[in-house]
PDB file of N, CA and C in Angstrom:
ATOM      1  N   MET A   1      -7.375  19.355 -87.725  1.00  0.00           N
ATOM      2  CA  MET A   1      -6.796  18.647 -86.711  1.00  0.00           C
ATOM      3  C   MET A   1      -7.220  19.266 -85.290  1.00  0.00           C
ATOM      4  N   ARG A   2      -7.287  20.517 -85.247  1.00  0.00           N
ATOM      5  CA  ARG A   2      -7.671  21.242 -83.971  1.00  0.00           C
ATOM      6  C   ARG A   2      -9.073  20.732 -83.517  1.00  0.00           C
ATOM      7  N   GLU A   3      -9.970  20.700 -84.424  1.00  0.00           N
ATOM      8  CA  GLU A   3     -11.358  20.251 -84.133  1.00  0.00           C
ATOM      9  C   GLU A   3     -11.362  18.892 -83.620  1.00  0.00           C
ATOM     10  N   ARG A   4     -10.634  17.985 -84.268  1.00  0.00           N
ATOM     11  CA  ARG A   4     -10.558  16.573 -83.838  1.00  0.00           C
ATOM     12  C   ARG A   4      -9.919  16.457 -82.444  1.00  0.00           C
ATOM     13  N   ALA A   5      -8.803  17.186 -82.186  1.00  0.00           N
ATOM     14  CA  ALA A   5      -8.287  17.285 -80.909  1.00  0.00           C
ATOM     15  C   ALA A   5      -9.199  17.563 -79.785  1.00  0.00           C
ATOM     16  N   GLU A   6     -10.031  18.676 -80.096  1.00  0.00           N
ATOM     17  CA  GLU A   6     -10.998  19.166 -79.140  1.00  0.00           C
ATOM     18  C   GLU A   6     -12.100  18.106 -78.839  1.00  0.00           C
ATOM     19  N   GLU A   7     -12.609  17.446 -79.855  1.00  0.00           N
ATOM     20  CA  GLU A   7     -13.555  16.365 -79.710  1.00  0.00           C
ATOM     21  C   GLU A   7     -12.890  15.252 -78.833  1.00  0.00           C
ATOM     22  N   PHE A   8     -11.635  14.898 -79.147  1.00  0.00           N
ATOM     23  CA  PHE A   8     -11.037  13.810 -78.432  1.00  0.00           C
ATOM     24  C   PHE A   8     -10.860  14.171 -76.992  1.00  0.00           C
ATOM     25  N   ARG A   9     -10.394  15.423 -76.704  1.00  0.00           N
ATOM     26  CA  ARG A   9     -10.174  15.857 -75.346  1.00  0.00           C
ATOM     27  C   ARG A   9     -11.503  15.846 -74.511  1.00  0.00           C
ATOM     28  N   ALA A  10     -12.543  16.329 -75.089  1.00  0.00           N
ATOM     29  CA  ALA A  10     -13.876  16.238 -74.400  1.00  0.00           C
ATOM     30  C   ALA A  10     -14.382  14.959 -74.213  1.00  0.00           C
ATOM     31  N   SER A  11     -14.154  14.020 -75.185  1.00  0.00           N
ATOM     32  CA  SER A  11     -14.624  12.629 -75.107  1.00  0.00           C
ATOM     33  C   SER A  11     -13.888  11.798 -73.930  1.00  0.00           C
ATOM     34  N   ARG A  12     -12.710  12.262 -73.710  1.00  0.00           N
ATOM     35  CA  ARG A  12     -11.934  11.477 -72.644  1.00  0.00           C
ATOM     36  C   ARG A  12     -12.223  12.008 -71.192  1.00  0.00           C
ATOM     37  N   LYS A  13     -12.745  13.119 -71.034  1.00  0.00           N
ATOM     38  CA  LYS A  13     -13.073  13.747 -69.740  1.00  0.00           C
ATOM     39  C   LYS A  13     -14.047  12.809 -69.113  1.00  0.00           C
ATOM     40  N   GLY A  14     -13.821  12.455 -67.877  1.00  0.00           N
ATOM     41  CA  GLY A  14     -14.679  11.510 -67.179  1.00  0.00           C
ATOM     42  C   GLY A  14     -14.400  10.085 -67.409  1.00  0.00           C
ATOM     43  N   GLN A  15     -13.675   9.725 -68.408  1.00  0.00           N
ATOM     44  CA  GLN A  15     -13.218   8.340 -68.688  1.00  0.00           C
ATOM     45  C   GLN A  15     -11.885   8.043 -68.120  1.00  0.00           C
ATOM     46  N   LEU A  16     -11.130   9.043 -67.754  1.00  0.00           N
ATOM     47  CA  LEU A  16      -9.813   8.864 -67.231  1.00  0.00           C
ATOM     48  C   LEU A  16      -9.658   9.481 -65.851  1.00  0.00           C
ATOM     49  N   SER A  17      -8.488   9.145 -65.133  1.00  0.00           N
ATOM     50  CA  SER A  17      -8.297   9.830 -63.897  1.00  0.00           C
ATOM     51  C   SER A  17      -8.041  11.354 -64.179  1.00  0.00           C
ATOM     52  N   VAL A  18      -8.222  12.129 -63.269  1.00  0.00           N
ATOM     53  CA  VAL A  18      -8.011  13.576 -63.411  1.00  0.00           C
ATOM     54  C   VAL A  18      -6.578  13.797 -63.889  1.00  0.00           C
ATOM     55  N   ARG A  19      -5.685  13.156 -63.369  1.00  0.00           N
ATOM     56  CA  ARG A  19      -4.231  13.270 -63.788  1.00  0.00           C
ATOM     57  C   ARG A  19      -3.994  12.893 -65.176  1.00  0.00           C
ATOM     58  N   ALA A  20      -4.581  11.859 -65.595  1.00  0.00           N
ATOM     59  CA  ALA A  20      -4.371  11.296 -66.919  1.00  0.00           C
ATOM     60  C   ALA A  20      -4.958  12.278 -67.932  1.00  0.00           C
ATOM     61  N   TRP A  21      -6.211  12.852 -67.612  1.00  0.00           N
ATOM     62  CA  TRP A  21      -6.880  13.766 -68.478  1.00  0.00           C
ATOM     63  C   TRP A  21      -6.029  15.032 -68.547  1.00  0.00           C
ATOM     64  N   GLU A  22      -5.519  15.496 -67.465  1.00  0.00           N
ATOM     65  CA  GLU A  22      -4.749  16.720 -67.420  1.00  0.00           C
ATOM     66  C   GLU A  22      -3.422  16.522 -68.283  1.00  0.00           C
ATOM     67  N   SER A  23      -2.900  15.276 -68.277  1.00  0.00           N
ATOM     68  CA  SER A  23      -1.724  15.059 -69.056  1.00  0.00           C
ATOM     69  C   SER A  23      -2.061  15.143 -70.504  1.00  0.00           C
ATOM     70  N   ASP A  24      -3.201  14.450 -70.936  1.00  0.00           N
ATOM     71  CA  ASP A  24      -3.647  14.440 -72.348  1.00  0.00           C
ATOM     72  C   ASP A  24      -3.907  16.019 -72.731  1.00  0.00           C
ATOM     73  N   GLU A  25      -4.605  16.662 -71.925  1.00  0.00           N
ATOM     74  CA  GLU A  25      -4.909  18.120 -72.243  1.00  0.00           C
ATOM     75  C   GLU A  25      -3.686  18.842 -72.445  1.00  0.00           C
ATOM     76  N   SER A  26      -2.725  18.756 -71.608  1.00  0.00           N
ATOM     77  CA  SER A  26      -1.430  19.487 -71.682  1.00  0.00           C
ATOM     78  C   SER A  26      -0.759  19.152 -73.035  1.00  0.00           C
ATOM     79  N   ALA A  27      -0.653  17.815 -73.330  1.00  0.00           N
ATOM     80  CA  ALA A  27      -0.031  17.439 -74.523  1.00  0.00           C
ATOM     81  C   ALA A  27      -0.700  18.001 -75.816  1.00  0.00           C
ATOM     82  N   LEU A  28      -1.995  18.009 -75.727  1.00  0.00           N
ATOM     83  CA  LEU A  28      -2.714  18.562 -76.853  1.00  0.00           C
ATOM     84  C   LEU A  28      -2.495  19.995 -76.981  1.00  0.00           C
ATOM     85  N   ARG A  29      -2.674  20.768 -75.887  1.00  0.00           N
ATOM     86  CA  ARG A  29      -2.541  22.223 -75.913  1.00  0.00           C
ATOM     87  C   ARG A  29      -1.061  22.773 -76.110  1.00  0.00           C
ATOM     88  N   VAL A  30      -0.185  22.162 -75.418  1.00  0.00           N
ATOM     89  CA  VAL A  30       1.227  22.701 -75.448  1.00  0.00           C
ATOM     90  C   VAL A  30       2.025  22.167 -76.650  1.00  0.00           C
ATOM     91  N   HIS A  31       1.870  20.925 -76.962  1.00  0.00           N
ATOM     92  CA  HIS A  31       2.657  20.396 -78.070  1.00  0.00           C
ATOM     93  C   HIS A  31       1.958  20.256 -79.422  1.00  0.00           C
ATOM     94  N   MET A  32       0.791  19.634 -79.465  1.00  0.00           N
ATOM     95  CA  MET A  32       0.230  19.212 -80.665  1.00  0.00           C
ATOM     96  C   MET A  32      -0.533  20.383 -81.391  1.00  0.00           C
ATOM     97  N   SER A  33      -1.207  21.264 -80.507  1.00  0.00           N
ATOM     98  CA  SER A  33      -1.882  22.420 -81.214  1.00  0.00           C
ATOM     99  C   SER A  33      -0.901  23.389 -81.925  1.00  0.00           C
ATOM    100  N   LEU A  34       0.354  23.464 -81.235  1.00  0.00           N
ATOM    101  CA  LEU A  34       1.275  24.335 -81.873  1.00  0.00           C
ATOM    102  C   LEU A  34       1.866  23.682 -83.080  1.00  0.00           C
ATOM    103  N   ALA A  35       2.043  22.400 -83.083  1.00  0.00           N
ATOM    104  CA  ALA A  35       2.710  21.749 -84.244  1.00  0.00           C
ATOM    105  C   ALA A  35       1.676  21.599 -85.472  1.00  0.00           C
ATOM    106  N   PHE A  36       0.438  21.306 -85.135  1.00  0.00           N
ATOM    107  CA  PHE A  36      -0.513  20.893 -86.203  1.00  0.00           C
ATOM    108  C   PHE A  36      -1.557  21.973 -86.481  1.00  0.00           C
ATOM    109  N   GLY A  37      -1.779  22.750 -85.515  1.00  0.00           N
ATOM    110  CA  GLY A  37      -2.820  23.928 -85.735  1.00  0.00           C
ATOM    111  C   GLY A  37      -4.041  23.443 -86.501  1.00  0.00           C
ATOM    112  N   ASN A  38      -4.159  24.148 -87.588  1.00  0.00           N
ATOM    113  CA  ASN A  38      -5.486  23.934 -88.394  1.00  0.00           C
ATOM    114  C   ASN A  38      -5.238  23.008 -89.535  1.00  0.00           C
ATOM    115  N   TRP A  39      -4.154  22.308 -89.674  1.00  0.00           N
ATOM    116  CA  TRP A  39      -3.908  21.450 -90.724  1.00  0.00           C
ATOM    117  C   TRP A  39      -4.974  20.379 -90.800  1.00  0.00           C
ATOM    118  N   PRO A  40      -5.530  19.925 -91.941  1.00  0.00           N
ATOM    119  CA  PRO A  40      -6.479  18.826 -91.972  1.00  0.00           C
ATOM    120  C   PRO A  40      -5.827  17.581 -91.566  1.00  0.00           C
ATOM    121  N   ILE A  41      -6.590  16.683 -90.901  1.00  0.00           N
ATOM    122  CA  ILE A  41      -6.036  15.443 -90.392  1.00  0.00           C
ATOM    123  C   ILE A  41      -5.606  14.547 -91.411  1.00  0.00           C
ATOM    124  N   SER A  42      -6.143  14.675 -92.698  1.00  0.00           N
ATOM    125  CA  SER A  42      -5.731  13.843 -93.801  1.00  0.00           C
ATOM    126  C   SER A  42      -4.330  14.118 -94.259  1.00  0.00           C
ATOM    127  N   SER A  43      -3.845  15.244 -93.938  1.00  0.00           N
ATOM    128  CA  SER A  43      -2.395  15.612 -94.371  1.00  0.00           C
ATOM    129  C   SER A  43      -1.386  15.433 -93.304  1.00  0.00           C
ATOM    130  N   ALA A  44      -1.840  14.714 -92.195  1.00  0.00           N
ATOM    131  CA  ALA A  44      -0.993  14.601 -90.965  1.00  0.00           C
ATOM    132  C   ALA A  44       0.276  13.799 -90.963  1.00  0.00           C
ATOM    133  N   THR A  45       0.347  12.806 -91.937  1.00  0.00           N
ATOM    134  CA  THR A  45       1.372  11.794 -91.872  1.00  0.00           C
ATOM    135  C   THR A  45       2.793  12.437 -91.965  1.00  0.00           C
ATOM    136  N   PRO A  46       3.044  13.269 -92.916  1.00  0.00           N
ATOM    137  CA  PRO A  46       4.365  13.875 -92.939  1.00  0.00           C
ATOM    138  C   PRO A  46       4.627  14.848 -91.743  1.00  0.00           C
ATOM    139  N   LEU A  47       3.564  15.595 -91.321  1.00  0.00           N
ATOM    140  CA  LEU A  47       3.612  16.416 -90.087  1.00  0.00           C
ATOM    141  C   LEU A  47       3.935  15.697 -88.817  1.00  0.00           C
ATOM    142  N   VAL A  48       3.326  14.533 -88.688  1.00  0.00           N
ATOM    143  CA  VAL A  48       3.455  13.666 -87.557  1.00  0.00           C
ATOM    144  C   VAL A  48       4.841  13.172 -87.466  1.00  0.00           C
ATOM    145  N   GLU A  49       5.338  12.685 -88.611  1.00  0.00           N
ATOM    146  CA  GLU A  49       6.799  12.175 -88.639  1.00  0.00           C
ATOM    147  C   GLU A  49       7.801  13.199 -88.256  1.00  0.00           C
ATOM    148  N   ARG A  50       7.600  14.397 -88.722  1.00  0.00           N
ATOM    149  CA  ARG A  50       8.547  15.564 -88.333  1.00  0.00           C
ATOM    150  C   ARG A  50       8.363  15.964 -87.016  1.00  0.00           C
ATOM    151  N   PHE A  51       7.058  16.056 -86.515  1.00  0.00           N
ATOM    152  CA  PHE A  51       6.782  16.328 -85.080  1.00  0.00           C
ATOM    153  C   PHE A  51       7.387  15.314 -84.131  1.00  0.00           C
ATOM    154  N   LEU A  52       7.359  14.150 -84.367  1.00  0.00           N
ATOM    155  CA  LEU A  52       7.903  13.164 -83.457  1.00  0.00           C
ATOM    156  C   LEU A  52       9.434  13.218 -83.473  1.00  0.00           C
ATOM    157  N   VAL A  53      10.063  13.534 -84.585  1.00  0.00           N
ATOM    158  CA  VAL A  53      11.520  13.595 -84.589  1.00  0.00           C
ATOM    159  C   VAL A  53      11.878  14.905 -83.805  1.00  0.00           C
ATOM    160  N   ASP A  54      11.241  16.007 -83.974  1.00  0.00           N
ATOM    161  CA  ASP A  54      11.506  17.290 -83.303  1.00  0.00           C
ATOM    162  C   ASP A  54      11.304  17.035 -81.765  1.00  0.00           C
ATOM    163  N   LEU A  55      10.221  16.291 -81.395  1.00  0.00           N
ATOM    164  CA  LEU A  55       9.829  16.044 -80.087  1.00  0.00           C
ATOM    165  C   LEU A  55      10.950  15.249 -79.346  1.00  0.00           C
ATOM    166  N   ALA A  56      11.457  14.250 -79.999  1.00  0.00           N
ATOM    167  CA  ALA A  56      12.462  13.406 -79.482  1.00  0.00           C
ATOM    168  C   ALA A  56      13.767  14.052 -79.189  1.00  0.00           C
ATOM    169  N   VAL A  57      14.036  15.099 -80.029  1.00  0.00           N
ATOM    170  CA  VAL A  57      15.408  15.848 -79.792  1.00  0.00           C
ATOM    171  C   VAL A  57      15.209  17.079 -78.887  1.00  0.00           C
ATOM    172  N   SER A  58      14.015  17.506 -78.763  1.00  0.00           N
ATOM    173  CA  SER A  58      13.868  18.786 -78.016  1.00  0.00           C
ATOM    174  C   SER A  58      13.257  18.572 -76.617  1.00  0.00           C
ATOM    175  N   ARG A  59      12.742  17.511 -76.290  1.00  0.00           N
ATOM    176  CA  ARG A  59      12.060  17.250 -75.042  1.00  0.00           C
ATOM    177  C   ARG A  59      12.651  16.064 -74.240  1.00  0.00           C
ATOM    178  N   SER A  60      12.332  15.953 -73.022  1.00  0.00           N
ATOM    179  CA  SER A  60      12.789  14.847 -72.266  1.00  0.00           C
ATOM    180  C   SER A  60      12.117  13.525 -72.741  1.00  0.00           C
ATOM    181  N   VAL A  61      12.693  12.384 -72.467  1.00  0.00           N
ATOM    182  CA  VAL A  61      12.250  11.104 -72.850  1.00  0.00           C
ATOM    183  C   VAL A  61      10.739  10.947 -72.346  1.00  0.00           C
ATOM    184  N   ARG A  62      10.618  11.357 -71.082  1.00  0.00           N
ATOM    185  CA  ARG A  62       9.292  11.183 -70.397  1.00  0.00           C
ATOM    186  C   ARG A  62       8.223  11.999 -71.120  1.00  0.00           C
ATOM    187  N   THR A  63       8.517  13.370 -71.410  1.00  0.00           N
ATOM    188  CA  THR A  63       7.513  14.155 -72.146  1.00  0.00           C
ATOM    189  C   THR A  63       7.261  13.638 -73.467  1.00  0.00           C
ATOM    190  N   ALA A  64       8.325  13.264 -74.166  1.00  0.00           N
ATOM    191  CA  ALA A  64       8.064  12.735 -75.523  1.00  0.00           C
ATOM    192  C   ALA A  64       7.192  11.421 -75.548  1.00  0.00           C
ATOM    193  N   ALA A  65       7.433  10.651 -74.627  1.00  0.00           N
ATOM    194  CA  ALA A  65       6.576   9.351 -74.495  1.00  0.00           C
ATOM    195  C   ALA A  65       5.174   9.807 -74.150  1.00  0.00           C
ATOM    196  N   ARG A  66       4.892  10.680 -73.246  1.00  0.00           N
ATOM    197  CA  ARG A  66       3.639  11.102 -72.852  1.00  0.00           C
ATOM    198  C   ARG A  66       2.815  11.680 -74.013  1.00  0.00           C
ATOM    199  N   VAL A  67       3.484  12.592 -74.768  1.00  0.00           N
ATOM    200  CA  VAL A  67       2.911  13.209 -75.989  1.00  0.00           C
ATOM    201  C   VAL A  67       2.647  12.136 -77.047  1.00  0.00           C
ATOM    202  N   ARG A  68       3.564  11.204 -77.286  1.00  0.00           N
ATOM    203  CA  ARG A  68       3.292  10.135 -78.302  1.00  0.00           C
ATOM    204  C   ARG A  68       2.059   9.298 -77.849  1.00  0.00           C
ATOM    205  N   THR A  69       1.952   8.983 -76.633  1.00  0.00           N
ATOM    206  CA  THR A  69       0.766   8.235 -76.188  1.00  0.00           C
ATOM    207  C   THR A  69      -0.451   8.861 -76.352  1.00  0.00           C
ATOM    208  N   THR A  70      -0.521  10.281 -76.131  1.00  0.00           N
ATOM    209  CA  THR A  70      -1.684  10.940 -76.446  1.00  0.00           C
ATOM    210  C   THR A  70      -2.017  11.076 -77.982  1.00  0.00           C
ATOM    211  N   LEU A  71      -1.047  11.303 -78.675  1.00  0.00           N
ATOM    212  CA  LEU A  71      -1.093  11.344 -80.168  1.00  0.00           C
ATOM    213  C   LEU A  71      -1.604  10.065 -80.668  1.00  0.00           C
ATOM    214  N   ARG A  72      -1.078   8.935 -80.208  1.00  0.00           N
ATOM    215  CA  ARG A  72      -1.625   7.606 -80.699  1.00  0.00           C
ATOM    216  C   ARG A  72      -3.100   7.416 -80.376  1.00  0.00           C
ATOM    217  N   ALA A  73      -3.513   7.847 -79.131  1.00  0.00           N
ATOM    218  CA  ALA A  73      -4.904   7.755 -78.766  1.00  0.00           C
ATOM    219  C   ALA A  73      -5.765   8.700 -79.625  1.00  0.00           C
ATOM    220  N   LEU A  74      -5.318   9.773 -79.968  1.00  0.00           N
ATOM    221  CA  LEU A  74      -6.005  10.778 -80.798  1.00  0.00           C
ATOM    222  C   LEU A  74      -6.324  10.171 -82.112  1.00  0.00           C
ATOM    223  N   PHE A  75      -5.278   9.505 -82.700  1.00  0.00           N
ATOM    224  CA  PHE A  75      -5.544   8.881 -84.090  1.00  0.00           C
ATOM    225  C   PHE A  75      -6.324   7.612 -84.053  1.00  0.00           C
ATOM    226  N   ARG A  76      -6.516   6.945 -82.908  1.00  0.00           N
ATOM    227  CA  ARG A  76      -7.386   5.766 -82.826  1.00  0.00           C
ATOM    228  C   ARG A  76      -8.752   6.173 -82.976  1.00  0.00           C
TER     229      ARG A  76
END
């Protein structure tokens, strides 16, 4: 998962506004890297479900929405 996240982050640089890229980078670094680490992307479904629940109860609505948006883009 970490490798895919790094590829995703690099591919988005230059395609987004600086603020949007920084938002994606922060979501990947602060939230997703800690939650998923080196887990293979193929085993992500149960992890993602638990991550989204934890995110919803531990973060603000705005932060949770931003992280969900980045996560959705990562899996596309």
